[in-house]
Amino acid sequence: MTQFLVIYRADPEATAAMPEPSPEEFQQMMAAWEGWAQTAGSAVVDFGNPTKPASEGADASIGGYSVLEAEDYGALQQILEGHPHAAMGGKLEVFEITPIAAM
């Protein structure tokens, strides 16, 4: 199995312009994420967390990450179908994690 780092990107200006979600909207968003995670099942190695820039010049469009596992990129694409971040207009960037050979 191959592990993949999924980076969640969104336009920082568009994100900042969005109104704060109501409690009901927030619950709906969380339900969408939880539903996706249940569907993805054991492919979720690390559900991840939101991120915010900490260093000067850090890319503010990166808003979070997950680590997923799949046979290959094609299988991962199926797991990512209907992902809530993409459904909300965000972009998913995928990187294959390539372990360093044992020394």
C-alpha atoms as a PDB file:
ATOM      1  CA  MET A   1       0.000   0.000   0.000  1.00  0.00           C
ATOM      2  CA  THR A   2       1.125   3.517  -0.757  1.00  0.00           C
ATOM      3  CA  GLN A   3       0.603   6.472   1.529  1.00  0.00           C
ATOM      4  CA  PHE A   4      -0.390   9.863   0.177  1.00  0.00           C
ATOM      5  CA  LEU A   5      -0.313  13.330   1.694  1.00  0.00           C
ATOM      6  CA  VAL A   6      -3.428  15.269   0.718  1.00  0.00           C
ATOM      7  CA  ILE A   7      -3.110  19.039   1.061  1.00  0.00           C
ATOM      8  CA  TYR A   8      -6.277  21.112   1.239  1.00  0.00           C
ATOM      9  CA  ARG A   9      -5.992  24.460  -0.546  1.00  0.00           C
ATOM     10  CA  ALA A  10      -8.404  27.370  -0.770  1.00  0.00           C
ATOM     11  CA  ASP A  11      -8.083  30.979  -1.882  1.00  0.00           C
ATOM     12  CA  PRO A  12      -7.306  32.859   1.364  1.00  0.00           C
ATOM     13  CA  GLU A  13      -9.142  35.991   0.210  1.00  0.00           C
ATOM     14  CA  ALA A  14     -12.266  34.017  -0.702  1.00  0.00           C
ATOM     15  CA  THR A  15     -12.086  32.125   2.585  1.00  0.00           C
ATOM     16  CA  ALA A  16     -11.741  35.364   4.573  1.00  0.00           C
ATOM     17  CA  ALA A  17     -14.727  36.861   2.737  1.00  0.00           C
ATOM     18  CA  MET A  18     -16.985  33.945   3.622  1.00  0.00           C
ATOM     19  CA  PRO A  19     -19.393  34.600   6.474  1.00  0.00           C
ATOM     20  CA  GLU A  20     -18.925  32.624   9.677  1.00  0.00           C
ATOM     21  CA  PRO A  21     -21.126  29.504   9.423  1.00  0.00           C
ATOM     22  CA  SER A  22     -24.140  29.238  11.662  1.00  0.00           C
ATOM     23  CA  PRO A  23     -24.078  26.392  14.195  1.00  0.00           C
ATOM     24  CA  GLU A  24     -26.345  24.399  11.881  1.00  0.00           C
ATOM     25  CA  GLU A  25     -24.093  25.014   8.873  1.00  0.00           C
ATOM     26  CA  PHE A  26     -21.048  24.056  10.919  1.00  0.00           C
ATOM     27  CA  GLN A  27     -22.746  20.802  11.945  1.00  0.00           C
ATOM     28  CA  GLN A  28     -23.581  20.091   8.292  1.00  0.00           C
ATOM     29  CA  MET A  29     -19.956  20.666   7.281  1.00  0.00           C
ATOM     30  CA  MET A  30     -18.704  18.397  10.059  1.00  0.00           C
ATOM     31  CA  ALA A  31     -21.248  15.728   9.089  1.00  0.00           C
ATOM     32  CA  ALA A  32     -19.979  15.865   5.488  1.00  0.00           C
ATOM     33  CA  TRP A  33     -16.371  15.379   6.661  1.00  0.00           C
ATOM     34  CA  GLU A  34     -17.334  12.568   9.042  1.00  0.00           C
ATOM     35  CA  GLY A  35     -19.392  10.887   6.316  1.00  0.00           C
ATOM     36  CA  TRP A  36     -16.478  11.052   3.901  1.00  0.00           C
ATOM     37  CA  ALA A  37     -14.114   9.634   6.554  1.00  0.00           C
ATOM     38  CA  GLN A  38     -16.485   6.733   7.198  1.00  0.00           C
ATOM     39  CA  THR A  39     -16.692   6.021   3.479  1.00  0.00           C
ATOM     40  CA  ALA A  40     -12.895   6.193   3.151  1.00  0.00           C
ATOM     41  CA  GLY A  41     -12.594   3.787   6.093  1.00  0.00           C
ATOM     42  CA  SER A  42      -9.189   2.211   6.630  1.00  0.00           C
ATOM     43  CA  ALA A  43      -7.679   4.370   3.864  1.00  0.00           C
ATOM     44  CA  VAL A  44      -7.506   7.168   6.440  1.00  0.00           C
ATOM     45  CA  VAL A  45      -4.118   6.859   8.139  1.00  0.00           C
ATOM     46  CA  ASP A  46      -4.265  10.331   9.712  1.00  0.00           C
ATOM     47  CA  PHE A  47      -7.469  12.341   9.333  1.00  0.00           C
ATOM     48  CA  GLY A  48      -5.328  15.451   9.757  1.00  0.00           C
ATOM     49  CA  ASN A  49      -6.158  18.897  11.010  1.00  0.00           C
ATOM     50  CA  PRO A  50      -6.633  22.434   9.786  1.00  0.00           C
ATOM     51  CA  THR A  51      -3.446  24.469   9.404  1.00  0.00           C
ATOM     52  CA  LYS A  52      -2.536  28.141   9.452  1.00  0.00           C
ATOM     53  CA  PRO A  53       0.680  29.850   8.357  1.00  0.00           C
ATOM     54  CA  ALA A  54       3.264  30.199  11.100  1.00  0.00           C
ATOM     55  CA  SER A  55       6.432  31.279   9.298  1.00  0.00           C
ATOM     56  CA  GLU A  56       6.957  34.382   7.218  1.00  0.00           C
ATOM     57  CA  GLY A  57       6.118  33.674   3.601  1.00  0.00           C
ATOM     58  CA  ALA A  58       4.199  30.471   4.372  1.00  0.00           C
ATOM     59  CA  ASP A  59       1.532  29.659   1.788  1.00  0.00           C
ATOM     60  CA  ALA A  60      -1.768  30.850   3.280  1.00  0.00           C
ATOM     61  CA  SER A  61      -3.772  28.856   0.736  1.00  0.00           C
ATOM     62  CA  ILE A  62      -2.906  25.620   2.576  1.00  0.00           C
ATOM     63  CA  GLY A  63      -5.675  25.060   5.073  1.00  0.00           C
ATOM     64  CA  GLY A  64      -5.170  21.466   6.180  1.00  0.00           C
ATOM     65  CA  TYR A  65      -3.975  17.983   5.367  1.00  0.00           C
ATOM     66  CA  SER A  66      -4.745  14.277   5.619  1.00  0.00           C
ATOM     67  CA  VAL A  67      -2.645  11.157   5.144  1.00  0.00           C
ATOM     68  CA  LEU A  68      -4.392   8.418   3.175  1.00  0.00           C
ATOM     69  CA  GLU A  69      -3.389   4.960   2.001  1.00  0.00           C
ATOM     70  CA  ALA A  70      -4.332   3.211  -1.233  1.00  0.00           C
ATOM     71  CA  GLU A  71      -2.987   0.673  -3.706  1.00  0.00           C
ATOM     72  CA  ASP A  72      -2.070   3.435  -6.131  1.00  0.00           C
ATOM     73  CA  TYR A  73      -3.040   6.936  -7.219  1.00  0.00           C
ATOM     74  CA  GLY A  74      -5.975   5.620  -9.254  1.00  0.00           C
ATOM     75  CA  ALA A  75      -7.442   3.919  -6.195  1.00  0.00           C
ATOM     76  CA  LEU A  76      -6.859   7.076  -4.180  1.00  0.00           C
ATOM     77  CA  GLN A  77      -8.811   9.120  -6.727  1.00  0.00           C
ATOM     78  CA  GLN A  78     -11.817   6.887  -6.068  1.00  0.00           C
ATOM     79  CA  ILE A  79     -11.453   7.420  -2.318  1.00  0.00           C
ATOM     80  CA  LEU A  80     -11.345  11.186  -2.854  1.00  0.00           C
ATOM     81  CA  GLU A  81     -14.534  11.262  -4.951  1.00  0.00           C
ATOM     82  CA  GLY A  82     -17.107  13.465  -3.261  1.00  0.00           C
ATOM     83  CA  HIS A  83     -14.561  14.854  -0.805  1.00  0.00           C
ATOM     84  CA  PRO A  84     -16.199  17.689   1.154  1.00  0.00           C
ATOM     85  CA  HIS A  85     -13.313  20.134   0.677  1.00  0.00           C
ATOM     86  CA  ALA A  86     -13.558  19.813  -3.099  1.00  0.00           C
ATOM     87  CA  ALA A  87     -17.360  20.005  -2.894  1.00  0.00           C
ATOM     88  CA  MET A  88     -16.971  23.358  -1.080  1.00  0.00           C
ATOM     89  CA  GLY A  89     -14.821  24.694  -3.948  1.00  0.00           C
ATOM     90  CA  GLY A  90     -11.423  23.902  -2.458  1.00  0.00           C
ATOM     91  CA  LYS A  91      -8.564  22.193  -4.234  1.00  0.00           C
ATOM     92  CA  LEU A  92      -6.955  18.897  -3.249  1.00  0.00           C
ATOM     93  CA  GLU A  93      -3.262  18.411  -3.960  1.00  0.00           C
ATOM     94  CA  VAL A  94      -1.875  14.907  -3.611  1.00  0.00           C
ATOM     95  CA  PHE A  95       1.712  13.883  -2.931  1.00  0.00           C
ATOM     96  CA  GLU A  96       2.943  10.305  -2.770  1.00  0.00           C
ATOM     97  CA  ILE A  97       4.885   9.689   0.415  1.00  0.00           C
ATOM     98  CA  THR A  98       8.129   7.965  -0.489  1.00  0.00           C
ATOM     99  CA  PRO A  99       9.787   6.409   2.544  1.00  0.00           C
ATOM    100  CA  ILE A 100      13.551   6.673   2.870  1.00  0.00           C
ATOM    101  CA  ALA A 101      15.206   3.270   2.573  1.00  0.00           C
ATOM    102  CA  ALA A 102      16.500   1.853   5.863  1.00  0.00           C
ATOM    103  CA  MET A 103      20.130   2.675   6.480  1.00  0.00           C
END
